[in-house]
């Protein structure tokens, strides 16, 4: 479950970057607002899925409760999921969690 959260964090983080650095410039410089509509919908779905998976992972493998705060904050910041994933990757590398 933790591995899935990390992979989903990478995907969600990439969707944020695509929205901000690809879709938004296309909207404002090339007058293509439909790109933001599409990318925004994809990012919104991934954002909700990421938060749901974060809370489920915290519950299932009993991560420290501070992960709720940092995980939610990370989901709101453009590079946040990458930072959180790096912190979450330590237990995976050490094989401390089996879920």
PDB file of N, CA and C in Angstrom:
ATOM      1  N   UNK A   1       0.821  -1.192   0.000  1.00  0.00           N
ATOM      2  CA  UNK A   1       0.000   0.000   0.000  1.00  0.00           C
ATOM      3  C   UNK A   1       0.869   1.261   0.000  1.00  0.00           C
ATOM      4  N   UNK A   2       1.974   1.194   0.741  1.00  0.00           N
ATOM      5  CA  UNK A   2       2.870   2.338   0.794  1.00  0.00           C
ATOM      6  C   UNK A   2       3.517   2.587  -0.563  1.00  0.00           C
ATOM      7  N   UNK A   3       3.862   1.522  -1.248  1.00  0.00           N
ATOM      8  CA  UNK A   3       4.438   1.672  -2.594  1.00  0.00           C
ATOM      9  C   UNK A   3       3.437   2.320  -3.545  1.00  0.00           C
ATOM     10  N   UNK A   4       2.180   1.908  -3.449  1.00  0.00           N
ATOM     11  CA  UNK A   4       1.139   2.504  -4.293  1.00  0.00           C
ATOM     12  C   UNK A   4       0.991   3.993  -3.996  1.00  0.00           C
ATOM     13  N   UNK A   5       1.046   4.360  -2.714  1.00  0.00           N
ATOM     14  CA  UNK A   5       0.957   5.764  -2.334  1.00  0.00           C
ATOM     15  C   UNK A   5       2.117   6.558  -2.927  1.00  0.00           C
ATOM     16  N   UNK A   6       3.297   6.007  -2.895  1.00  0.00           N
ATOM     17  CA  UNK A   6       4.466   6.691  -3.441  1.00  0.00           C
ATOM     18  C   UNK A   6       4.332   6.875  -4.951  1.00  0.00           C
ATOM     19  N   UNK A   7       3.915   5.837  -5.642  1.00  0.00           N
ATOM     20  CA  UNK A   7       3.731   5.926  -7.101  1.00  0.00           C
ATOM     21  C   UNK A   7       2.633   6.934  -7.429  1.00  0.00           C
ATOM     22  N   UNK A   8       1.544   6.875  -6.683  1.00  0.00           N
ATOM     23  CA  UNK A   8       0.444   7.815  -6.900  1.00  0.00           C
ATOM     24  C   UNK A   8       0.885   9.247  -6.600  1.00  0.00           C
ATOM     25  N   UNK A   9       1.732   9.423  -5.605  1.00  0.00           N
ATOM     26  CA  UNK A   9       2.273  10.746  -5.294  1.00  0.00           C
ATOM     27  C   UNK A   9       3.080  11.311  -6.453  1.00  0.00           C
ATOM     28  N   UNK A  10       3.852  10.474  -7.093  1.00  0.00           N
ATOM     29  CA  UNK A  10       4.629  10.909  -8.258  1.00  0.00           C
ATOM     30  C   UNK A  10       3.697  11.316  -9.390  1.00  0.00           C
ATOM     31  N   UNK A  11       2.693  10.496  -9.646  1.00  0.00           N
ATOM     32  CA  UNK A  11       1.744  10.793 -10.728  1.00  0.00           C
ATOM     33  C   UNK A  11       0.966  12.075 -10.424  1.00  0.00           C
ATOM     34  N   UNK A  12       0.506  12.223  -9.187  1.00  0.00           N
ATOM     35  CA  UNK A  12      -0.246  13.421  -8.809  1.00  0.00           C
ATOM     36  C   UNK A  12       0.641  14.661  -8.888  1.00  0.00           C
ATOM     37  N   UNK A  13       1.882  14.536  -8.450  1.00  0.00           N
ATOM     38  CA  UNK A  13       2.817  15.651  -8.540  1.00  0.00           C
ATOM     39  C   UNK A  13       3.088  16.056  -9.981  1.00  0.00           C
ATOM     40  N   UNK A  14       3.225  15.070 -10.852  1.00  0.00           N
ATOM     41  CA  UNK A  14       3.436  15.362 -12.275  1.00  0.00           C
ATOM     42  C   UNK A  14       2.208  16.027 -12.888  1.00  0.00           C
ATOM     43  N   UNK A  15       1.020  15.616 -12.440  1.00  0.00           N
ATOM     44  CA  UNK A  15      -0.193  16.243 -12.979  1.00  0.00           C
ATOM     45  C   UNK A  15      -0.280  17.710 -12.549  1.00  0.00           C
ATOM     46  N   UNK A  16       0.171  18.000 -11.333  1.00  0.00           N
ATOM     47  CA  UNK A  16       0.202  19.390 -10.875  1.00  0.00           C
ATOM     48  C   UNK A  16       1.148  20.212 -11.731  1.00  0.00           C
ATOM     49  N   UNK A  17       2.326  19.676 -11.963  1.00  0.00           N
ATOM     50  CA  UNK A  17       3.312  20.387 -12.772  1.00  0.00           C
ATOM     51  C   UNK A  17       2.825  20.572 -14.205  1.00  0.00           C
ATOM     52  N   UNK A  18       2.158  19.550 -14.759  1.00  0.00           N
ATOM     53  CA  UNK A  18       1.618  19.663 -16.114  1.00  0.00           C
ATOM     54  C   UNK A  18       0.528  20.733 -16.175  1.00  0.00           C
ATOM     55  N   UNK A  19      -0.282  20.788 -15.149  1.00  0.00           N
ATOM     56  CA  UNK A  19      -1.343  21.802 -15.105  1.00  0.00           C
ATOM     57  C   UNK A  19      -0.749  23.208 -15.048  1.00  0.00           C
ATOM     58  N   UNK A  20       0.227  23.397 -14.174  1.00  0.00           N
ATOM     59  CA  UNK A  20       0.793  24.735 -13.974  1.00  0.00           C
ATOM     60  C   UNK A  20       1.726  25.154 -15.106  1.00  0.00           C
ATOM     61  N   UNK A  21       2.577  24.242 -15.564  1.00  0.00           N
ATOM     62  CA  UNK A  21       3.625  24.629 -16.513  1.00  0.00           C
ATOM     63  C   UNK A  21       3.334  24.294 -17.976  1.00  0.00           C
ATOM     64  N   UNK A  22       2.274  23.528 -18.232  1.00  0.00           N
ATOM     65  CA  UNK A  22       1.921  23.209 -19.624  1.00  0.00           C
ATOM     66  C   UNK A  22       0.532  23.760 -19.957  1.00  0.00           C
ATOM     67  N   UNK A  23      -0.461  23.331 -19.186  1.00  0.00           N
ATOM     68  CA  UNK A  23      -1.846  23.707 -19.510  1.00  0.00           C
ATOM     69  C   UNK A  23      -2.104  25.204 -19.339  1.00  0.00           C
ATOM     70  N   UNK A  24      -1.624  25.771 -18.244  1.00  0.00           N
ATOM     71  CA  UNK A  24      -1.866  27.200 -18.017  1.00  0.00           C
ATOM     72  C   UNK A  24      -1.209  28.080 -19.090  1.00  0.00           C
ATOM     73  N   UNK A  25       0.049  27.839 -19.451  1.00  0.00           N
ATOM     74  CA  UNK A  25       0.613  28.641 -20.546  1.00  0.00           C
ATOM     75  C   UNK A  25      -0.134  28.458 -21.868  1.00  0.00           C
ATOM     76  N   UNK A  26      -0.594  27.228 -22.138  1.00  0.00           N
ATOM     77  CA  UNK A  26      -1.367  27.018 -23.365  1.00  0.00           C
ATOM     78  C   UNK A  26      -2.666  27.815 -23.337  1.00  0.00           C
ATOM     79  N   UNK A  27      -3.265  27.915 -22.178  1.00  0.00           N
ATOM     80  CA  UNK A  27      -4.505  28.683 -22.050  1.00  0.00           C
ATOM     81  C   UNK A  27      -4.260  30.170 -22.296  1.00  0.00           C
ATOM     82  N   UNK A  28      -3.255  30.716 -21.657  1.00  0.00           N
ATOM     83  CA  UNK A  28      -3.064  32.164 -21.702  1.00  0.00           C
ATOM     84  C   UNK A  28      -2.260  32.661 -22.900  1.00  0.00           C
ATOM     85  N   UNK A  29      -1.344  31.858 -23.411  1.00  0.00           N
ATOM     86  CA  UNK A  29      -0.531  32.312 -24.544  1.00  0.00           C
ATOM     87  C   UNK A  29      -1.091  31.881 -25.893  1.00  0.00           C
ATOM     88  N   UNK A  30      -1.800  30.738 -25.925  1.00  0.00           N
ATOM     89  CA  UNK A  30      -2.324  30.225 -27.195  1.00  0.00           C
ATOM     90  C   UNK A  30      -3.843  30.128 -27.214  1.00  0.00           C
ATOM     91  N   UNK A  31      -4.488  30.691 -26.195  1.00  0.00           N
ATOM     92  CA  UNK A  31      -5.946  30.727 -26.105  1.00  0.00           C
ATOM     93  C   UNK A  31      -6.579  29.341 -26.287  1.00  0.00           C
ATOM     94  N   UNK A  32      -6.099  28.395 -25.488  1.00  0.00           N
ATOM     95  CA  UNK A  32      -6.618  27.031 -25.502  1.00  0.00           C
ATOM     96  C   UNK A  32      -7.140  26.659 -24.103  1.00  0.00           C
ATOM     97  N   UNK A  33      -8.271  27.236 -23.704  1.00  0.00           N
ATOM     98  CA  UNK A  33      -8.768  26.974 -22.342  1.00  0.00           C
ATOM     99  C   UNK A  33      -9.210  25.524 -22.118  1.00  0.00           C
ATOM    100  N   UNK A  34      -9.518  24.821 -23.178  1.00  0.00           N
ATOM    101  CA  UNK A  34      -9.964  23.430 -23.014  1.00  0.00           C
ATOM    102  C   UNK A  34      -8.857  22.531 -22.474  1.00  0.00           C
ATOM    103  N   UNK A  35      -7.596  22.908 -22.669  1.00  0.00           N
ATOM    104  CA  UNK A  35      -6.485  22.125 -22.135  1.00  0.00           C
ATOM    105  C   UNK A  35      -6.505  22.184 -20.605  1.00  0.00           C
ATOM    106  N   UNK A  36      -6.781  23.361 -20.055  1.00  0.00           N
ATOM    107  CA  UNK A  36      -6.861  23.513 -18.597  1.00  0.00           C
ATOM    108  C   UNK A  36      -8.065  22.752 -18.060  1.00  0.00           C
ATOM    109  N   UNK A  37      -9.162  22.784 -18.779  1.00  0.00           N
ATOM    110  CA  UNK A  37     -10.352  22.047 -18.349  1.00  0.00           C
ATOM    111  C   UNK A  37     -10.058  20.557 -18.259  1.00  0.00           C
ATOM    112  N   UNK A  38      -9.425  20.012 -19.283  1.00  0.00           N
ATOM    113  CA  UNK A  38      -9.090  18.585 -19.298  1.00  0.00           C
ATOM    114  C   UNK A  38      -8.045  18.256 -18.236  1.00  0.00           C
ATOM    115  N   UNK A  39      -6.949  18.994 -18.223  1.00  0.00           N
ATOM    116  CA  UNK A  39      -5.872  18.712 -17.275  1.00  0.00           C
ATOM    117  C   UNK A  39      -6.320  18.969 -15.844  1.00  0.00           C
ATOM    118  N   UNK A  40      -7.134  19.989 -15.648  1.00  0.00           N
ATOM    119  CA  UNK A  40      -7.660  20.276 -14.316  1.00  0.00           C
ATOM    120  C   UNK A  40      -8.542  19.154 -13.797  1.00  0.00           C
ATOM    121  N   UNK A  41      -9.340  18.577 -14.674  1.00  0.00           N
ATOM    122  CA  UNK A  41     -10.193  17.451 -14.276  1.00  0.00           C
ATOM    123  C   UNK A  41      -9.358  16.230 -13.905  1.00  0.00           C
ATOM    124  N   UNK A  42      -8.359  15.951 -14.706  1.00  0.00           N
ATOM    125  CA  UNK A  42      -7.465  14.813 -14.430  1.00  0.00           C
ATOM    126  C   UNK A  42      -6.738  15.043 -13.102  1.00  0.00           C
ATOM    127  N   UNK A  43      -6.191  16.245 -12.941  1.00  0.00           N
ATOM    128  CA  UNK A  43      -5.476  16.557 -11.709  1.00  0.00           C
ATOM    129  C   UNK A  43      -6.407  16.488 -10.496  1.00  0.00           C
ATOM    130  N   UNK A  44      -7.615  16.991 -10.620  1.00  0.00           N
ATOM    131  CA  UNK A  44      -8.572  16.940  -9.514  1.00  0.00           C
ATOM    132  C   UNK A  44      -8.881  15.519  -9.085  1.00  0.00           C
ATOM    133  N   UNK A  45      -9.079  14.640 -10.051  1.00  0.00           N
ATOM    134  CA  UNK A  45      -9.317  13.233  -9.744  1.00  0.00           C
ATOM    135  C   UNK A  45      -8.114  12.626  -9.033  1.00  0.00           C
ATOM    136  N   UNK A  46      -6.913  12.886  -9.556  1.00  0.00           N
ATOM    137  CA  UNK A  46      -5.703  12.338  -8.945  1.00  0.00           C
ATOM    138  C   UNK A  46      -5.464  12.910  -7.549  1.00  0.00           C
ATOM    139  N   UNK A  47      -5.798  14.178  -7.350  1.00  0.00           N
ATOM    140  CA  UNK A  47      -5.649  14.812  -6.046  1.00  0.00           C
ATOM    141  C   UNK A  47      -6.528  14.125  -5.007  1.00  0.00           C
ATOM    142  N   UNK A  48      -7.797  13.912  -5.342  1.00  0.00           N
ATOM    143  CA  UNK A  48      -8.729  13.249  -4.426  1.00  0.00           C
ATOM    144  C   UNK A  48      -8.285  11.805  -4.172  1.00  0.00           C
ATOM    145  N   UNK A  49      -7.870  11.114  -5.230  1.00  0.00           N
ATOM    146  CA  UNK A  49      -7.395   9.735  -5.081  1.00  0.00           C
ATOM    147  C   UNK A  49      -6.151   9.684  -4.190  1.00  0.00           C
ATOM    148  N   UNK A  50      -5.252  10.645  -4.359  1.00  0.00           N
ATOM    149  CA  UNK A  50      -4.039  10.704  -3.543  1.00  0.00           C
ATOM    150  C   UNK A  50      -4.376  10.905  -2.068  1.00  0.00           C
ATOM    151  N   UNK A  51      -5.262  11.856  -1.772  1.00  0.00           N
ATOM    152  CA  UNK A  51      -5.639  12.085  -0.373  1.00  0.00           C
ATOM    153  C   UNK A  51      -6.337  10.864   0.226  1.00  0.00           C
ATOM    154  N   UNK A  52      -7.220  10.250  -0.549  1.00  0.00           N
ATOM    155  CA  UNK A  52      -7.904   9.047  -0.069  1.00  0.00           C
ATOM    156  C   UNK A  52      -6.895   7.937   0.222  1.00  0.00           C
ATOM    157  N   UNK A  53      -5.962   7.745  -0.687  1.00  0.00           N
ATOM    158  CA  UNK A  53      -4.948   6.707  -0.512  1.00  0.00           C
ATOM    159  C   UNK A  53      -4.037   7.036   0.666  1.00  0.00           C
ATOM    160  N   UNK A  54      -3.715   8.306   0.847  1.00  0.00           N
ATOM    161  CA  UNK A  54      -2.898   8.732   1.979  1.00  0.00           C
ATOM    162  C   UNK A  54      -3.571   8.357   3.298  1.00  0.00           C
ATOM    163  N   UNK A  55      -4.843   8.706   3.451  1.00  0.00           N
ATOM    164  CA  UNK A  55      -5.552   8.401   4.687  1.00  0.00           C
ATOM    165  C   UNK A  55      -5.715   6.897   4.877  1.00  0.00           C
ATOM    166  N   UNK A  56      -5.985   6.177   3.808  1.00  0.00           N
ATOM    167  CA  UNK A  56      -6.118   4.717   3.911  1.00  0.00           C
ATOM    168  C   UNK A  56      -4.786   4.079   4.312  1.00  0.00           C
ATOM    169  N   UNK A  57      -3.695   4.568   3.753  1.00  0.00           N
ATOM    170  CA  UNK A  57      -2.377   4.031   4.079  1.00  0.00           C
ATOM    171  C   UNK A  57      -2.013   4.311   5.530  1.00  0.00           C
ATOM    172  N   UNK A  58      -2.296   5.525   5.993  1.00  0.00           N
ATOM    173  CA  UNK A  58      -2.011   5.874   7.386  1.00  0.00           C
ATOM    174  C   UNK A  58      -2.788   4.955   8.328  1.00  0.00           C
ATOM    175  N   UNK A  59      -4.023   4.671   7.971  1.00  0.00           N
ATOM    176  CA  UNK A  59      -4.859   3.803   8.797  1.00  0.00           C
ATOM    177  C   UNK A  59      -4.380   2.353   8.746  1.00  0.00           C
ATOM    178  N   UNK A  60      -4.067   1.844   7.550  1.00  0.00           N
ATOM    179  CA  UNK A  60      -3.744   0.425   7.393  1.00  0.00           C
ATOM    180  C   UNK A  60      -2.382   0.038   7.956  1.00  0.00           C
ATOM    181  N   UNK A  61      -1.387   0.887   7.752  1.00  0.00           N
ATOM    182  CA  UNK A  61      -0.056   0.485   8.229  1.00  0.00           C
ATOM    183  C   UNK A  61       0.402   1.306   9.431  1.00  0.00           C
ATOM    184  N   UNK A  62      -0.516   2.067   9.987  1.00  0.00           N
ATOM    185  CA  UNK A  62      -0.280   2.799  11.218  1.00  0.00           C
ATOM    186  C   UNK A  62       0.971   3.682  11.153  1.00  0.00           C
ATOM    187  N   UNK A  63       0.989   4.544  10.161  1.00  0.00           N
ATOM    188  CA  UNK A  63       2.039   5.548  10.092  1.00  0.00           C
ATOM    189  C   UNK A  63       1.803   6.584  11.181  1.00  0.00           C
ATOM    190  N   UNK A  64       2.827   7.336  11.548  1.00  0.00           N
ATOM    191  CA  UNK A  64       2.624   8.390  12.555  1.00  0.00           C
ATOM    192  C   UNK A  64       1.545   9.375  12.104  1.00  0.00           C
ATOM    193  N   UNK A  65       0.785   9.882  13.050  1.00  0.00           N
ATOM    194  CA  UNK A  65      -0.328  10.783  12.732  1.00  0.00           C
ATOM    195  C   UNK A  65       0.144  12.097  12.106  1.00  0.00           C
ATOM    196  N   UNK A  66       1.394  12.476  12.329  1.00  0.00           N
ATOM    197  CA  UNK A  66       1.893  13.706  11.718  1.00  0.00           C
ATOM    198  C   UNK A  66       1.928  13.594  10.193  1.00  0.00           C
ATOM    199  N   UNK A  67       1.902  12.369   9.683  1.00  0.00           N
ATOM    200  CA  UNK A  67       1.887  12.162   8.231  1.00  0.00           C
ATOM    201  C   UNK A  67       0.599  12.712   7.628  1.00  0.00           C
ATOM    202  N   UNK A  68      -0.488  12.723   8.398  1.00  0.00           N
ATOM    203  CA  UNK A  68      -1.741  13.308   7.913  1.00  0.00           C
ATOM    204  C   UNK A  68      -1.525  14.775   7.564  1.00  0.00           C
ATOM    205  N   UNK A  69      -0.910  15.513   8.492  1.00  0.00           N
ATOM    206  CA  UNK A  69      -0.652  16.931   8.256  1.00  0.00           C
ATOM    207  C   UNK A  69       0.305  17.130   7.083  1.00  0.00           C
ATOM    208  N   UNK A  70       1.451  16.465   7.132  1.00  0.00           N
ATOM    209  CA  UNK A  70       2.470  16.662   6.087  1.00  0.00           C
ATOM    210  C   UNK A  70       1.991  16.148   4.734  1.00  0.00           C
ATOM    211  N   UNK A  71       1.241  15.064   4.723  1.00  0.00           N
ATOM    212  CA  UNK A  71       0.722  14.527   3.470  1.00  0.00           C
ATOM    213  C   UNK A  71      -0.295  15.439   2.824  1.00  0.00           C
ATOM    214  N   UNK A  72      -1.175  16.015   3.637  1.00  0.00           N
ATOM    215  CA  UNK A  72      -2.164  16.954   3.111  1.00  0.00           C
ATOM    216  C   UNK A  72      -1.484  18.215   2.609  1.00  0.00           C
ATOM    217  N   UNK A  73      -0.528  18.725   3.372  1.00  0.00           N
ATOM    218  CA  UNK A  73       0.225  19.900   2.933  1.00  0.00           C
ATOM    219  C   UNK A  73       0.988  19.603   1.645  1.00  0.00           C
ATOM    220  N   UNK A  74       1.593  18.433   1.574  1.00  0.00           N
ATOM    221  CA  UNK A  74       2.347  18.053   0.374  1.00  0.00           C
ATOM    222  C   UNK A  74       1.442  17.998  -0.851  1.00  0.00           C
ATOM    223  N   UNK A  75       0.213  17.534  -0.669  1.00  0.00           N
ATOM    224  CA  UNK A  75      -0.718  17.440  -1.794  1.00  0.00           C
ATOM    225  C   UNK A  75      -1.106  18.819  -2.319  1.00  0.00           C
ATOM    226  N   UNK A  76      -1.005  19.835  -1.486  1.00  0.00           N
ATOM    227  CA  UNK A  76      -1.394  21.189  -1.898  1.00  0.00           C
ATOM    228  C   UNK A  76      -0.263  21.967  -2.569  1.00  0.00           C
ATOM    229  N   UNK A  77       0.966  21.549  -2.375  1.00  0.00           N
ATOM    230  CA  UNK A  77       2.120  22.263  -2.928  1.00  0.00           C
ATOM    231  C   UNK A  77       2.619  21.596  -4.208  1.00  0.00           C
ATOM    232  N   UNK A  78       3.058  22.382  -5.192  1.00  0.00           N
ATOM    233  CA  UNK A  78       3.463  21.800  -6.477  1.00  0.00           C
ATOM    234  C   UNK A  78       4.520  20.697  -6.395  1.00  0.00           C
ATOM    235  N   UNK A  79       5.544  20.827  -5.565  1.00  0.00           N
ATOM    236  CA  UNK A  79       6.564  19.790  -5.474  1.00  0.00           C
ATOM    237  C   UNK A  79       6.425  18.962  -4.202  1.00  0.00           C
ATOM    238  N   UNK A  80       5.352  19.192  -3.463  1.00  0.00           N
ATOM    239  CA  UNK A  80       5.138  18.533  -2.185  1.00  0.00           C
ATOM    240  C   UNK A  80       5.113  17.013  -2.224  1.00  0.00           C
ATOM    241  N   UNK A  81       4.373  16.399  -3.163  1.00  0.00           N
ATOM    242  CA  UNK A  81       4.351  14.937  -3.178  1.00  0.00           C
ATOM    243  C   UNK A  81       5.732  14.310  -3.384  1.00  0.00           C
ATOM    244  N   UNK A  82       6.591  14.979  -4.120  1.00  0.00           N
ATOM    245  CA  UNK A  82       7.936  14.437  -4.342  1.00  0.00           C
ATOM    246  C   UNK A  82       8.737  14.433  -3.043  1.00  0.00           C
ATOM    247  N   UNK A  83       8.581  15.485  -2.249  1.00  0.00           N
ATOM    248  CA  UNK A  83       9.282  15.569  -0.963  1.00  0.00           C
ATOM    249  C   UNK A  83       8.736  14.506  -0.004  1.00  0.00           C
ATOM    250  N   UNK A  84       7.422  14.396   0.081  1.00  0.00           N
ATOM    251  CA  UNK A  84       6.810  13.403   0.960  1.00  0.00           C
ATOM    252  C   UNK A  84       7.183  11.991   0.527  1.00  0.00           C
ATOM    253  N   UNK A  85       7.170  11.738  -0.774  1.00  0.00           N
ATOM    254  CA  UNK A  85       7.517  10.408  -1.271  1.00  0.00           C
ATOM    255  C   UNK A  85       8.935  10.019  -0.873  1.00  0.00           C
ATOM    256  N   UNK A  86       9.824  10.971  -0.905  1.00  0.00           N
ATOM    257  CA  UNK A  86      11.207  10.696  -0.507  1.00  0.00           C
ATOM    258  C   UNK A  86      11.288  10.282   0.963  1.00  0.00           C
ATOM    259  N   UNK A  87      10.481  10.937   1.796  1.00  0.00           N
ATOM    260  CA  UNK A  87      10.437  10.595   3.216  1.00  0.00           C
ATOM    261  C   UNK A  87       9.778   9.227   3.426  1.00  0.00           C
ATOM    262  N   UNK A  88       8.724   8.944   2.654  1.00  0.00           N
ATOM    263  CA  UNK A  88       8.019   7.665   2.783  1.00  0.00           C
ATOM    264  C   UNK A  88       8.815   6.503   2.202  1.00  0.00           C
ATOM    265  N   UNK A  89       9.735   6.794   1.322  1.00  0.00           N
ATOM    266  CA  UNK A  89      10.503   5.733   0.672  1.00  0.00           C
ATOM    267  C   UNK A  89      11.485   5.064   1.624  1.00  0.00           C
ATOM    268  N   UNK A  90      11.890   5.746   2.669  1.00  0.00           N
ATOM    269  CA  UNK A  90      12.844   5.156   3.628  1.00  0.00           C
ATOM    270  C   UNK A  90      12.351   3.834   4.207  1.00  0.00           C
ATOM    271  N   UNK A  91      11.117   3.760   4.761  1.00  0.00           N
ATOM    272  CA  UNK A  91      10.653   2.477   5.299  1.00  0.00           C
ATOM    273  C   UNK A  91      10.544   1.380   4.228  1.00  0.00           C
ATOM    274  N   UNK A  92      10.239   1.786   2.993  1.00  0.00           N
ATOM    275  CA  UNK A  92      10.132   0.793   1.925  1.00  0.00           C
ATOM    276  C   UNK A  92      11.507   0.197   1.644  1.00  0.00           C
ATOM    277  N   UNK A  93      12.525   1.049   1.566  1.00  0.00           N
ATOM    278  CA  UNK A  93      13.891   0.576   1.302  1.00  0.00           C
ATOM    279  C   UNK A  93      14.405  -0.314   2.439  1.00  0.00           C
ATOM    280  N   UNK A  94      13.983  -0.013   3.659  1.00  0.00           N
ATOM    281  CA  UNK A  94      14.420  -0.784   4.813  1.00  0.00           C
ATOM    282  C   UNK A  94      13.526  -2.003   5.065  1.00  0.00           C
ATOM    283  N   UNK A  95      12.509  -2.196   4.216  1.00  0.00           N
ATOM    284  CA  UNK A  95      11.555  -3.312   4.342  1.00  0.00           C
ATOM    285  C   UNK A  95      10.900  -3.357   5.718  1.00  0.00           C
ATOM    286  N   UNK A  96      10.567  -2.178   6.259  1.00  0.00           N
ATOM    287  CA  UNK A  96       9.909  -2.138   7.555  1.00  0.00           C
ATOM    288  C   UNK A  96       8.417  -2.375   7.466  1.00  0.00           C
ATOM    289  N   UNK A  97       7.837  -2.161   6.291  1.00  0.00           N
ATOM    290  CA  UNK A  97       6.407  -2.354   6.125  1.00  0.00           C
ATOM    291  C   UNK A  97       6.183  -3.443   5.094  1.00  0.00           C
ATOM    292  N   UNK A  98       5.217  -4.302   5.361  1.00  0.00           N
ATOM    293  CA  UNK A  98       4.929  -5.380   4.431  1.00  0.00           C
ATOM    294  C   UNK A  98       3.688  -5.111   3.612  1.00  0.00           C
ATOM    295  N   UNK A  99       2.834  -4.160   4.020  1.00  0.00           N
ATOM    296  CA  UNK A  99       1.589  -3.864   3.283  1.00  0.00           C
ATOM    297  C   UNK A  99       1.868  -3.074   2.050  1.00  0.00           C
TER     298      UNK A  99
END
